Amino acid sequence: MDLKHRQAPKLSMLRILGFIFSLSLLSSCGDTAVFDQTESFGETGWLQSKKIEIPFEIKDTLVSYALDVSIRQSNDYAFYNLYFVPQIIDSNGKLLKKALAEAILYDAKSGKAKGAGLGDMYSHSYVIFPALHFPKPGKYTLRLEQYMRTDTLSGVVSVGAALHPNSTDHGKN
């Protein structure tokens, strides 16, 4: 019996170590985002002169990438939508991709906020470019500009973006 009592703590310790190792393996296989960054504006809001610029590096040009933009706003935001312009710029300053994007933050008829919310804060996420292809490896910049007719967008608390590889088409052009 004495031998069984000595082996039991060793077995349970091995199980615990195995469990911890499995968790660390799973967490390391998680998100493979090229970047995931958010700019907070605080109480000021998003100024029209404030361009969000996120530098990033592309290593794999055989895969396409999806660009997601997230917006967090409060009930202080005065409009039902938000226009913004995402731009992808290469290291030489050449514009590779540009779009006019519209985020619908409230239902136009009912005025009910869209997105996930808690209290008077709401979060929204939009896929802007679902299949971006980069011509060569290197450094790039994402630039986001608000494109509303108001200089300051009070109620826009933060804007962020994430670039994720599309794993389903690896190796395709």
C-alpha atoms as a PDB file:
ATOM      1  CA  MET A   1       0.000   0.000   0.000  1.00  0.00           C
ATOM      2  CA  ASP A   2       2.845   2.363   0.721  1.00  0.00           C
ATOM      3  CA  LEU A   3       4.048   2.084  -2.901  1.00  0.00           C
ATOM      4  CA  LYS A   4       0.594   3.017  -4.295  1.00  0.00           C
ATOM      5  CA  HIS A   5       0.449   6.157  -2.141  1.00  0.00           C
ATOM      6  CA  ARG A   6       3.837   7.302  -3.478  1.00  0.00           C
ATOM      7  CA  GLN A   7       2.836   6.737  -7.135  1.00  0.00           C
ATOM      8  CA  ALA A   8      -0.541   8.515  -6.865  1.00  0.00           C
ATOM      9  CA  PRO A   9       0.922  12.028  -6.391  1.00  0.00           C
ATOM     10  CA  LYS A  10       3.342  11.417  -9.290  1.00  0.00           C
ATOM     11  CA  LEU A  11       0.483  10.360 -11.615  1.00  0.00           C
ATOM     12  CA  SER A  12      -1.703  13.307 -10.674  1.00  0.00           C
ATOM     13  CA  MET A  13       1.252  15.677 -11.129  1.00  0.00           C
ATOM     14  CA  LEU A  14       1.862  14.202 -14.606  1.00  0.00           C
ATOM     15  CA  ARG A  15      -1.809  14.676 -15.473  1.00  0.00           C
ATOM     16  CA  ILE A  16      -1.707  18.301 -14.327  1.00  0.00           C
ATOM     17  CA  LEU A  17       1.478  18.958 -16.315  1.00  0.00           C
ATOM     18  CA  GLY A  18      -0.069  17.269 -19.371  1.00  0.00           C
ATOM     19  CA  PHE A  19      -3.182  19.404 -19.037  1.00  0.00           C
ATOM     20  CA  ILE A  20      -1.123  22.605 -18.770  1.00  0.00           C
ATOM     21  CA  PHE A  21       0.959  21.580 -21.789  1.00  0.00           C
ATOM     22  CA  SER A  22      -2.214  20.891 -23.804  1.00  0.00           C
ATOM     23  CA  LEU A  23      -3.626  24.303 -22.903  1.00  0.00           C
ATOM     24  CA  SER A  24      -0.424  26.061 -23.916  1.00  0.00           C
ATOM     25  CA  LEU A  25      -0.418  24.202 -27.238  1.00  0.00           C
ATOM     26  CA  LEU A  26      -4.016  25.206 -27.925  1.00  0.00           C
ATOM     27  CA  SER A  27      -3.391  28.838 -27.056  1.00  0.00           C
ATOM     28  CA  SER A  28      -0.340  29.006 -29.309  1.00  0.00           C
ATOM     29  CA  CYS A  29      -2.416  27.672 -32.225  1.00  0.00           C
ATOM     30  CA  GLY A  30      -4.980  30.444 -31.765  1.00  0.00           C
ATOM     31  CA  ASP A  31      -5.351  33.665 -33.643  1.00  0.00           C
ATOM     32  CA  THR A  32      -2.844  34.226 -36.416  1.00  0.00           C
ATOM     33  CA  ALA A  33      -3.721  37.873 -37.001  1.00  0.00           C
ATOM     34  CA  VAL A  34      -1.101  39.969 -38.761  1.00  0.00           C
ATOM     35  CA  PHE A  35      -2.303  42.789 -36.513  1.00  0.00           C
ATOM     36  CA  ASP A  36      -5.214  43.551 -34.204  1.00  0.00           C
ATOM     37  CA  GLN A  37      -5.067  47.131 -32.973  1.00  0.00           C
ATOM     38  CA  THR A  38      -7.529  49.642 -31.539  1.00  0.00           C
ATOM     39  CA  GLU A  39      -7.295  53.425 -31.235  1.00  0.00           C
ATOM     40  CA  SER A  40      -9.246  54.944 -28.321  1.00  0.00           C
ATOM     41  CA  PHE A  41     -10.593  58.489 -28.562  1.00  0.00           C
ATOM     42  CA  GLY A  42     -11.967  58.920 -25.063  1.00  0.00           C
ATOM     43  CA  GLU A  43     -14.545  61.651 -24.568  1.00  0.00           C
ATOM     44  CA  THR A  44     -13.260  63.747 -27.457  1.00  0.00           C
ATOM     45  CA  GLY A  45     -14.573  61.535 -30.237  1.00  0.00           C
ATOM     46  CA  TRP A  46     -13.068  60.929 -33.663  1.00  0.00           C
ATOM     47  CA  LEU A  47     -11.694  64.134 -35.156  1.00  0.00           C
ATOM     48  CA  GLN A  48     -11.801  64.403 -38.938  1.00  0.00           C
ATOM     49  CA  SER A  49      -8.112  65.376 -38.906  1.00  0.00           C
ATOM     50  CA  LYS A  50      -7.226  62.245 -36.887  1.00  0.00           C
ATOM     51  CA  LYS A  51      -6.105  59.533 -39.286  1.00  0.00           C
ATOM     52  CA  ILE A  52      -5.566  56.118 -37.745  1.00  0.00           C
ATOM     53  CA  GLU A  53      -2.424  54.529 -39.173  1.00  0.00           C
ATOM     54  CA  ILE A  54      -1.448  50.954 -38.422  1.00  0.00           C
ATOM     55  CA  PRO A  55       1.863  49.700 -39.844  1.00  0.00           C
ATOM     56  CA  PHE A  56       2.156  45.977 -40.513  1.00  0.00           C
ATOM     57  CA  GLU A  57       4.296  43.471 -42.368  1.00  0.00           C
ATOM     58  CA  ILE A  58       3.227  40.828 -44.872  1.00  0.00           C
ATOM     59  CA  LYS A  59       5.393  37.735 -45.179  1.00  0.00           C
ATOM     60  CA  ASP A  60       3.121  35.316 -47.074  1.00  0.00           C
ATOM     61  CA  THR A  61       1.828  36.608 -50.424  1.00  0.00           C
ATOM     62  CA  LEU A  62       0.236  33.304 -51.445  1.00  0.00           C
ATOM     63  CA  VAL A  63      -2.671  33.702 -49.049  1.00  0.00           C
ATOM     64  CA  SER A  64      -5.435  36.296 -49.123  1.00  0.00           C
ATOM     65  CA  TYR A  65      -6.259  38.350 -46.057  1.00  0.00           C
ATOM     66  CA  ALA A  66      -9.484  39.672 -44.540  1.00  0.00           C
ATOM     67  CA  LEU A  67      -9.571  43.155 -43.043  1.00  0.00           C
ATOM     68  CA  ASP A  68     -12.066  43.683 -40.213  1.00  0.00           C
ATOM     69  CA  VAL A  69     -12.844  47.113 -38.770  1.00  0.00           C
ATOM     70  CA  SER A  70     -14.450  47.454 -35.349  1.00  0.00           C
ATOM     71  CA  ILE A  71     -16.221  50.536 -34.030  1.00  0.00           C
ATOM     72  CA  ARG A  72     -17.273  51.214 -30.463  1.00  0.00           C
ATOM     73  CA  GLN A  73     -19.739  54.025 -29.884  1.00  0.00           C
ATOM     74  CA  SER A  74     -21.952  55.415 -27.167  1.00  0.00           C
ATOM     75  CA  ASN A  75     -25.473  56.800 -27.338  1.00  0.00           C
ATOM     76  CA  ASP A  76     -23.876  60.247 -27.653  1.00  0.00           C
ATOM     77  CA  TYR A  77     -23.271  59.487 -31.337  1.00  0.00           C
ATOM     78  CA  ALA A  78     -25.712  61.687 -33.283  1.00  0.00           C
ATOM     79  CA  PHE A  79     -26.064  59.782 -36.578  1.00  0.00           C
ATOM     80  CA  TYR A  80     -27.434  56.372 -37.557  1.00  0.00           C
ATOM     81  CA  ASN A  81     -24.404  55.606 -39.746  1.00  0.00           C
ATOM     82  CA  LEU A  82     -20.715  56.386 -40.051  1.00  0.00           C
ATOM     83  CA  TYR A  83     -18.778  56.746 -43.293  1.00  0.00           C
ATOM     84  CA  PHE A  84     -15.070  56.025 -43.228  1.00  0.00           C
ATOM     85  CA  VAL A  85     -12.318  55.372 -45.758  1.00  0.00           C
ATOM     86  CA  PRO A  86      -9.926  52.430 -45.316  1.00  0.00           C
ATOM     87  CA  GLN A  87      -6.724  52.553 -47.374  1.00  0.00           C
ATOM     88  CA  ILE A  88      -3.895  50.053 -47.816  1.00  0.00           C
ATOM     89  CA  ILE A  89      -0.574  51.755 -48.625  1.00  0.00           C
ATOM     90  CA  ASP A  90       2.739  50.070 -49.479  1.00  0.00           C
ATOM     91  CA  SER A  91       6.172  51.071 -48.129  1.00  0.00           C
ATOM     92  CA  ASN A  92       6.729  53.456 -51.084  1.00  0.00           C
ATOM     93  CA  GLY A  93       3.519  55.365 -50.312  1.00  0.00           C
ATOM     94  CA  LYS A  94       1.644  53.803 -53.244  1.00  0.00           C
ATOM     95  CA  LEU A  95      -2.080  53.339 -52.631  1.00  0.00           C
ATOM     96  CA  LEU A  96      -3.001  49.663 -53.212  1.00  0.00           C
ATOM     97  CA  LYS A  97      -6.623  49.592 -52.085  1.00  0.00           C
ATOM     98  CA  LYS A  98      -9.170  52.210 -51.062  1.00  0.00           C
ATOM     99  CA  ALA A  99     -12.903  52.110 -50.375  1.00  0.00           C
ATOM    100  CA  LEU A 100     -15.714  54.166 -48.968  1.00  0.00           C
ATOM    101  CA  ALA A 101     -17.243  52.107 -46.162  1.00  0.00           C
ATOM    102  CA  GLU A 102     -20.497  52.714 -44.335  1.00  0.00           C
ATOM    103  CA  ALA A 103     -21.144  51.397 -40.847  1.00  0.00           C
ATOM    104  CA  ILE A 104     -24.833  51.248 -39.914  1.00  0.00           C
ATOM    105  CA  LEU A 105     -24.870  51.836 -36.142  1.00  0.00           C
ATOM    106  CA  TYR A 106     -28.610  52.348 -35.575  1.00  0.00           C
ATOM    107  CA  ASP A 107     -31.732  51.170 -37.347  1.00  0.00           C
ATOM    108  CA  ALA A 108     -32.793  54.123 -39.524  1.00  0.00           C
ATOM    109  CA  LYS A 109     -36.511  53.718 -38.789  1.00  0.00           C
ATOM    110  CA  SER A 110     -36.688  52.587 -35.177  1.00  0.00           C
ATOM    111  CA  GLY A 111     -33.524  54.252 -33.886  1.00  0.00           C
ATOM    112  CA  LYS A 112     -32.594  51.041 -32.069  1.00  0.00           C
ATOM    113  CA  ALA A 113     -28.850  50.530 -31.720  1.00  0.00           C
ATOM    114  CA  LYS A 114     -27.274  47.681 -33.673  1.00  0.00           C
ATOM    115  CA  GLY A 115     -24.253  45.688 -32.556  1.00  0.00           C
ATOM    116  CA  ALA A 116     -23.416  44.138 -29.222  1.00  0.00           C
ATOM    117  CA  GLY A 117     -24.089  46.461 -26.338  1.00  0.00           C
ATOM    118  CA  LEU A 118     -23.963  46.905 -22.636  1.00  0.00           C
ATOM    119  CA  GLY A 119     -25.543  50.005 -21.160  1.00  0.00           C
ATOM    120  CA  ASP A 120     -25.112  52.853 -23.609  1.00  0.00           C
ATOM    121  CA  MET A 121     -21.999  51.429 -25.339  1.00  0.00           C
ATOM    122  CA  TYR A 122     -22.184  49.364 -28.530  1.00  0.00           C
ATOM    123  CA  SER A 123     -19.565  47.415 -30.473  1.00  0.00           C
ATOM    124  CA  HIS A 124     -19.736  46.721 -34.182  1.00  0.00           C
ATOM    125  CA  SER A 125     -17.490  44.713 -36.488  1.00  0.00           C
ATOM    126  CA  TYR A 126     -17.411  44.825 -40.277  1.00  0.00           C
ATOM    127  CA  VAL A 127     -15.451  42.864 -42.868  1.00  0.00           C
ATOM    128  CA  ILE A 128     -14.218  45.594 -45.201  1.00  0.00           C
ATOM    129  CA  PHE A 129     -11.906  43.712 -47.546  1.00  0.00           C
ATOM    130  CA  PRO A 130     -12.690  39.959 -47.448  1.00  0.00           C
ATOM    131  CA  ALA A 131      -9.898  38.869 -49.836  1.00  0.00           C
ATOM    132  CA  LEU A 132      -6.897  41.212 -49.899  1.00  0.00           C
ATOM    133  CA  HIS A 133      -3.874  40.090 -51.912  1.00  0.00           C
ATOM    134  CA  PHE A 134      -0.477  41.687 -51.451  1.00  0.00           C
ATOM    135  CA  PRO A 135       1.886  41.801 -54.449  1.00  0.00           C
ATOM    136  CA  LYS A 136       5.096  41.288 -52.480  1.00  0.00           C
ATOM    137  CA  PRO A 137       6.300  40.679 -48.939  1.00  0.00           C
ATOM    138  CA  GLY A 138       7.118  43.803 -47.004  1.00  0.00           C
ATOM    139  CA  LYS A 139       5.851  46.669 -44.909  1.00  0.00           C
ATOM    140  CA  TYR A 140       2.404  48.186 -45.438  1.00  0.00           C
ATOM    141  CA  THR A 141       0.140  50.651 -43.632  1.00  0.00           C
ATOM    142  CA  LEU A 142      -3.578  50.639 -43.032  1.00  0.00           C
ATOM    143  CA  ARG A 143      -5.021  54.144 -42.843  1.00  0.00           C
ATOM    144  CA  LEU A 144      -8.558  54.806 -41.579  1.00  0.00           C
ATOM    145  CA  GLU A 145     -10.208  58.216 -41.934  1.00  0.00           C
ATOM    146  CA  GLN A 146     -13.685  59.259 -40.850  1.00  0.00           C
ATOM    147  CA  TYR A 147     -15.634  60.653 -43.790  1.00  0.00           C
ATOM    148  CA  MET A 148     -18.572  62.420 -42.202  1.00  0.00           C
ATOM    149  CA  ARG A 149     -19.488  66.077 -42.720  1.00  0.00           C
ATOM    150  CA  THR A 150     -18.831  66.833 -39.064  1.00  0.00           C
ATOM    151  CA  ASP A 151     -15.372  67.706 -37.794  1.00  0.00           C
ATOM    152  CA  THR A 152     -15.727  65.799 -34.513  1.00  0.00           C
ATOM    153  CA  LEU A 153     -17.725  62.604 -34.137  1.00  0.00           C
ATOM    154  CA  SER A 154     -18.710  62.718 -30.478  1.00  0.00           C
ATOM    155  CA  GLY A 155     -19.725  59.330 -29.194  1.00  0.00           C
ATOM    156  CA  VAL A 156     -17.198  57.335 -31.239  1.00  0.00           C
ATOM    157  CA  VAL A 157     -15.176  55.842 -28.408  1.00  0.00           C
ATOM    158  CA  SER A 158     -12.733  53.699 -30.391  1.00  0.00           C
ATOM    159  CA  VAL A 159     -11.969  52.319 -33.831  1.00  0.00           C
ATOM    160  CA  GLY A 160      -9.857  49.262 -34.459  1.00  0.00           C
ATOM    161  CA  ALA A 161      -8.819  46.927 -37.210  1.00  0.00           C
ATOM    162  CA  ALA A 162      -7.534  43.388 -37.584  1.00  0.00           C
ATOM    163  CA  LEU A 163      -5.959  41.640 -40.551  1.00  0.00           C
ATOM    164  CA  HIS A 164      -6.345  37.863 -40.650  1.00  0.00           C
ATOM    165  CA  PRO A 165      -5.105  35.377 -43.233  1.00  0.00           C
ATOM    166  CA  ASN A 166      -7.818  33.419 -45.022  1.00  0.00           C
ATOM    167  CA  SER A 167      -6.654  29.872 -44.392  1.00  0.00           C
ATOM    168  CA  THR A 168      -9.032  28.212 -46.855  1.00  0.00           C
ATOM    169  CA  ASP A 169      -7.293  29.477 -49.967  1.00  0.00           C
ATOM    170  CA  HIS A 170      -3.625  29.145 -49.027  1.00  0.00           C
ATOM    171  CA  GLY A 171      -1.580  28.761 -52.180  1.00  0.00           C
ATOM    172  CA  LYS A 172      -4.264  30.073 -54.572  1.00  0.00           C
ATOM    173  CA  ASN A 173      -4.037  33.311 -56.549  1.00  0.00           C
END
